[in-house]
Structures are given as structure tokens and as C-alpha cells.
PDB file of N, CA and C in Angstrom:
ATOM      1  N   UNK A   1      82.502 297.416  48.696  1.00  0.00           N
ATOM      2  CA  UNK A   1      81.677 298.506  48.250  1.00  0.00           C
ATOM      3  C   UNK A   1      80.598 297.964  47.319  1.00  0.00           C
ATOM      4  N   UNK A   2      79.398 298.478  47.489  1.00  0.00           N
ATOM      5  CA  UNK A   2      78.277 298.075  46.648  1.00  0.00           C
ATOM      6  C   UNK A   2      77.571 299.337  46.154  1.00  0.00           C
ATOM      7  N   UNK A   3      77.335 299.424  44.854  1.00  0.00           N
ATOM      8  CA  UNK A   3      76.582 300.532  44.289  1.00  0.00           C
ATOM      9  C   UNK A   3      75.100 300.189  44.321  1.00  0.00           C
ATOM     10  N   UNK A   4      74.281 301.107  44.841  1.00  0.00           N
ATOM     11  CA  UNK A   4      72.834 300.946  44.887  1.00  0.00           C
ATOM     12  C   UNK A   4      72.254 302.212  44.265  1.00  0.00           C
ATOM     13  N   UNK A   5      71.906 302.135  43.006  1.00  0.00           N
ATOM     14  CA  UNK A   5      71.467 303.334  42.299  1.00  0.00           C
ATOM     15  C   UNK A   5      72.602 304.344  42.264  1.00  0.00           C
ATOM     16  N   UNK A   6      72.353 305.543  42.757  1.00  0.00           N
ATOM     17  CA  UNK A   6      73.396 306.566  42.784  1.00  0.00           C
ATOM     18  C   UNK A   6      74.157 306.591  44.108  1.00  0.00           C
ATOM     19  N   UNK A   7      73.832 305.656  45.015  1.00  0.00           N
ATOM     20  CA  UNK A   7      74.477 305.598  46.326  1.00  0.00           C
ATOM     21  C   UNK A   7      75.536 304.495  46.352  1.00  0.00           C
ATOM     22  N   UNK A   8      76.434 304.599  47.304  1.00  0.00           N
ATOM     23  CA  UNK A   8      77.453 303.582  47.506  1.00  0.00           C
ATOM     24  C   UNK A   8      77.382 303.100  48.941  1.00  0.00           C
ATOM     25  N   UNK A   9      77.287 301.802  49.127  1.00  0.00           N
ATOM     26  CA  UNK A   9      77.277 301.191  50.452  1.00  0.00           C
ATOM     27  C   UNK A   9      78.682 300.690  50.748  1.00  0.00           C
ATOM     28  N   UNK A  10      79.238 301.164  51.855  1.00  0.00           N
ATOM     29  CA  UNK A  10      80.578 300.754  52.262  1.00  0.00           C
ATOM     30  C   UNK A  10      80.464 300.135  53.643  1.00  0.00           C
ATOM     31  N   UNK A  11      80.847 298.891  53.782  1.00  0.00           N
ATOM     32  CA  UNK A  11      80.796 298.211  55.070  1.00  0.00           C
ATOM     33  C   UNK A  11      82.213 298.151  55.632  1.00  0.00           C
ATOM     34  N   UNK A  12      82.462 299.015  56.616  1.00  0.00           N
ATOM     35  CA  UNK A  12      83.813 299.120  57.181  1.00  0.00           C
ATOM     36  C   UNK A  12      83.745 299.944  58.455  1.00  0.00           C
ATOM     37  N   UNK A  13      84.903 300.189  59.056  1.00  0.00           N
ATOM     38  CA  UNK A  13      84.975 301.039  60.243  1.00  0.00           C
ATOM     39  C   UNK A  13      84.788 302.495  59.815  1.00  0.00           C
ATOM     40  N   UNK A  14      83.761 303.141  60.340  1.00  0.00           N
ATOM     41  CA  UNK A  14      83.392 304.496  59.918  1.00  0.00           C
ATOM     42  C   UNK A  14      84.535 305.504  60.013  1.00  0.00           C
ATOM     43  N   UNK A  15      85.304 305.555  61.110  1.00  0.00           N
ATOM     44  CA  UNK A  15      86.376 306.568  61.172  1.00  0.00           C
ATOM     45  C   UNK A  15      87.392 306.421  60.034  1.00  0.00           C
ATOM     46  N   UNK A  16      87.713 305.189  59.671  1.00  0.00           N
ATOM     47  CA  UNK A  16      88.673 304.961  58.588  1.00  0.00           C
ATOM     48  C   UNK A  16      88.105 305.421  57.251  1.00  0.00           C
ATOM     49  N   UNK A  17      86.861 305.046  56.980  1.00  0.00           N
ATOM     50  CA  UNK A  17      86.228 305.394  55.711  1.00  0.00           C
ATOM     51  C   UNK A  17      86.010 306.903  55.611  1.00  0.00           C
ATOM     52  N   UNK A  18      85.520 307.533  56.672  1.00  0.00           N
ATOM     53  CA  UNK A  18      85.262 308.969  56.634  1.00  0.00           C
ATOM     54  C   UNK A  18      86.542 309.766  56.417  1.00  0.00           C
ATOM     55  N   UNK A  19      87.626 309.340  57.032  1.00  0.00           N
ATOM     56  CA  UNK A  19      88.907 310.029  56.843  1.00  0.00           C
ATOM     57  C   UNK A  19      89.359 309.923  55.390  1.00  0.00           C
ATOM     58  N   UNK A  20      89.221 308.735  54.810  1.00  0.00           N
ATOM     59  CA  UNK A  20      89.630 308.540  53.417  1.00  0.00           C
ATOM     60  C   UNK A  20      88.740 309.344  52.472  1.00  0.00           C
ATOM     61  N   UNK A  21      87.428 309.332  52.689  1.00  0.00           N
ATOM     62  CA  UNK A  21      86.516 310.089  51.829  1.00  0.00           C
ATOM     63  C   UNK A  21      86.756 311.593  51.946  1.00  0.00           C
ATOM     64  N   UNK A  22      86.983 312.068  53.142  1.00  0.00           N
ATOM     65  CA  UNK A  22      87.227 313.499  53.350  1.00  0.00           C
ATOM     66  C   UNK A  22      88.492 313.945  52.637  1.00  0.00           C
ATOM     67  N   UNK A  23      89.499 313.078  52.600  1.00  0.00           N
ATOM     68  CA  UNK A  23      90.749 313.416  51.928  1.00  0.00           C
ATOM     69  C   UNK A  23      90.597 313.378  50.406  1.00  0.00           C
ATOM     70  N   UNK A  24      89.819 312.423  49.896  1.00  0.00           N
ATOM     71  CA  UNK A  24      89.669 312.254  48.447  1.00  0.00           C
ATOM     72  C   UNK A  24      88.687 313.236  47.824  1.00  0.00           C
ATOM     73  N   UNK A  25      87.586 313.482  48.504  1.00  0.00           N
ATOM     74  CA  UNK A  25      86.528 314.303  47.919  1.00  0.00           C
ATOM     75  C   UNK A  25      85.849 315.132  48.997  1.00  0.00           C
ATOM     76  N   UNK A  26      86.476 316.205  49.458  1.00  0.00           N
ATOM     77  CA  UNK A  26      85.908 317.028  50.526  1.00  0.00           C
ATOM     78  C   UNK A  26      84.517 317.550  50.170  1.00  0.00           C
ATOM     79  N   UNK A  27      83.612 317.493  51.150  1.00  0.00           N
ATOM     80  CA  UNK A  27      82.276 318.042  50.974  1.00  0.00           C
ATOM     81  C   UNK A  27      81.305 317.163  50.209  1.00  0.00           C
ATOM     82  N   UNK A  28      81.643 315.904  49.975  1.00  0.00           N
ATOM     83  CA  UNK A  28      80.768 315.045  49.171  1.00  0.00           C
ATOM     84  C   UNK A  28      80.014 313.996  49.976  1.00  0.00           C
ATOM     85  N   UNK A  29      80.189 313.944  51.275  1.00  0.00           N
ATOM     86  CA  UNK A  29      79.495 312.954  52.090  1.00  0.00           C
ATOM     87  C   UNK A  29      78.074 313.451  52.348  1.00  0.00           C
ATOM     88  N   UNK A  30      77.081 312.706  51.838  1.00  0.00           N
ATOM     89  CA  UNK A  30      75.692 313.111  51.969  1.00  0.00           C
ATOM     90  C   UNK A  30      75.027 312.576  53.217  1.00  0.00           C
ATOM     91  N   UNK A  31      75.548 311.509  53.776  1.00  0.00           N
ATOM     92  CA  UNK A  31      74.957 310.938  54.978  1.00  0.00           C
ATOM     93  C   UNK A  31      75.763 309.738  55.457  1.00  0.00           C
ATOM     94  N   UNK A  32      75.605 309.445  56.728  1.00  0.00           N
ATOM     95  CA  UNK A  32      76.298 308.307  57.327  1.00  0.00           C
ATOM     96  C   UNK A  32      75.308 307.555  58.201  1.00  0.00           C
ATOM     97  N   UNK A  33      75.189 306.259  57.990  1.00  0.00           N
ATOM     98  CA  UNK A  33      74.397 305.389  58.861  1.00  0.00           C
ATOM     99  C   UNK A  33      75.381 304.497  59.585  1.00  0.00           C
ATOM    100  N   UNK A  34      75.287 304.461  60.901  1.00  0.00           N
ATOM    101  CA  UNK A  34      76.227 303.666  61.673  1.00  0.00           C
ATOM    102  C   UNK A  34      75.493 302.790  62.676  1.00  0.00           C
ATOM    103  N   UNK A  35      76.051 301.653  62.954  1.00  0.00           N
ATOM    104  CA  UNK A  35      75.513 300.724  63.939  1.00  0.00           C
ATOM    105  C   UNK A  35      76.614 300.477  64.959  1.00  0.00           C
ATOM    106  N   UNK A  36      76.630 301.264  66.041  1.00  0.00           N
ATOM    107  CA  UNK A  36      77.689 301.105  67.041  1.00  0.00           C
ATOM    108  C   UNK A  36      77.720 299.679  67.604  1.00  0.00           C
ATOM    109  N   UNK A  37      78.897 299.190  67.927  1.00  0.00           N
ATOM    110  CA  UNK A  37      79.037 297.809  68.407  1.00  0.00           C
ATOM    111  C   UNK A  37      78.770 297.652  69.904  1.00  0.00           C
ATOM    112  N   UNK A  38      77.727 298.288  70.386  1.00  0.00           N
ATOM    113  CA  UNK A  38      77.397 298.175  71.803  1.00  0.00           C
ATOM    114  C   UNK A  38      75.902 298.404  71.998  1.00  0.00           C
ATOM    115  N   UNK A  39      75.410 298.023  73.134  1.00  0.00           N
ATOM    116  CA  UNK A  39      74.023 298.284  73.504  1.00  0.00           C
ATOM    117  C   UNK A  39      74.063 299.136  74.758  1.00  0.00           C
ATOM    118  N   UNK A  40      73.637 300.376  74.649  1.00  0.00           N
ATOM    119  CA  UNK A  40      73.787 301.311  75.753  1.00  0.00           C
ATOM    120  C   UNK A  40      72.737 301.133  76.841  1.00  0.00           C
ATOM    121  N   UNK A  41      71.556 300.649  76.469  1.00  0.00           N
ATOM    122  CA  UNK A  41      70.511 300.479  77.464  1.00  0.00           C
ATOM    123  C   UNK A  41      69.757 301.750  77.788  1.00  0.00           C
ATOM    124  N   UNK A  42      70.027 302.827  77.095  1.00  0.00           N
ATOM    125  CA  UNK A  42      69.322 304.080  77.349  1.00  0.00           C
ATOM    126  C   UNK A  42      69.291 304.934  76.106  1.00  0.00           C
ATOM    127  N   UNK A  43      68.392 305.906  76.095  1.00  0.00           N
ATOM    128  CA  UNK A  43      68.291 306.785  74.937  1.00  0.00           C
ATOM    129  C   UNK A  43      68.990 308.118  75.144  1.00  0.00           C
ATOM    130  N   UNK A  44      69.356 308.434  76.379  1.00  0.00           N
ATOM    131  CA  UNK A  44      70.073 309.674  76.679  1.00  0.00           C
ATOM    132  C   UNK A  44      71.299 309.345  77.525  1.00  0.00           C
ATOM    133  N   UNK A  45      72.290 310.224  77.506  1.00  0.00           N
ATOM    134  CA  UNK A  45      73.528 309.978  78.246  1.00  0.00           C
ATOM    135  C   UNK A  45      73.259 309.742  79.730  1.00  0.00           C
ATOM    136  N   UNK A  46      72.323 310.496  80.299  1.00  0.00           N
ATOM    137  CA  UNK A  46      72.046 310.332  81.734  1.00  0.00           C
ATOM    138  C   UNK A  46      71.484 308.941  82.037  1.00  0.00           C
ATOM    139  N   UNK A  47      70.760 308.355  81.080  1.00  0.00           N
ATOM    140  CA  UNK A  47      70.215 307.011  81.274  1.00  0.00           C
ATOM    141  C   UNK A  47      71.317 305.957  81.289  1.00  0.00           C
ATOM    142  N   UNK A  48      72.384 306.208  80.569  1.00  0.00           N
ATOM    143  CA  UNK A  48      73.474 305.234  80.473  1.00  0.00           C
ATOM    144  C   UNK A  48      74.465 305.349  81.616  1.00  0.00           C
ATOM    145  N   UNK A  49      74.493 306.499  82.294  1.00  0.00           N
ATOM    146  CA  UNK A  49      75.497 306.709  83.317  1.00  0.00           C
ATOM    147  C   UNK A  49      74.957 306.671  84.744  1.00  0.00           C
ATOM    148  N   UNK A  50      73.658 306.804  84.905  1.00  0.00           N
ATOM    149  CA  UNK A  50      73.112 306.824  86.265  1.00  0.00           C
ATOM    150  C   UNK A  50      72.917 305.408  86.788  1.00  0.00           C
ATOM    151  N   UNK A  51      73.032 305.255  88.064  1.00  0.00           N
ATOM    152  CA  UNK A  51      72.782 303.952  88.684  1.00  0.00           C
ATOM    153  C   UNK A  51      71.420 304.011  89.359  1.00  0.00           C
ATOM    154  N   UNK A  52      70.593 303.070  89.057  1.00  0.00           N
ATOM    155  CA  UNK A  52      69.242 303.046  89.621  1.00  0.00           C
ATOM    156  C   UNK A  52      69.044 301.778  90.422  1.00  0.00           C
ATOM    157  N   UNK A  53      68.272 301.908  91.458  1.00  0.00           N
ATOM    158  CA  UNK A  53      67.914 300.750  92.260  1.00  0.00           C
ATOM    159  C   UNK A  53      66.804 299.990  91.549  1.00  0.00           C
ATOM    160  N   UNK A  54      66.941 298.675  91.473  1.00  0.00           N
ATOM    161  CA  UNK A  54      65.897 297.870  90.812  1.00  0.00           C
ATOM    162  C   UNK A  54      65.001 297.188  91.837  1.00  0.00           C
ATOM    163  N   UNK A  55      65.279 297.444  93.100  1.00  0.00           N
ATOM    164  CA  UNK A  55      64.587 296.681  94.094  1.00  0.00           C
ATOM    165  C   UNK A  55      63.564 297.340  94.877  1.00  0.00           C
TER     166      UNK A  55
END
């Protein structure tokens, strides 16, 4: 955990941290920034699931 001004940076698995924060201090989460561990290749669900011909 790192304090940056009035914010706290927590580098961990989001589901674990969010569950712990929700239990300790309900209603205090102001925002969540996440970097999913994958590259989807599309900006919408249909882009990630459709098969397109490249040829």
C-alpha cells in the first residue's frame, strides 16, 4: 500500500481487495482502476467474439 496525498494505491488482485474494503468500510470506495491481465483485441464484446476472415 502506498499513500499518495489523500489517496491509497493498493497493488493486488482487485476481487480480494474490494471484498476486504467492502467488509471493513462499506460505501468508502471512490474509484477503481484495473489493468486486466489479457489483451482482448477489440473494444466491444462483439469484436472479441466474432470470427472475421482476414483474406
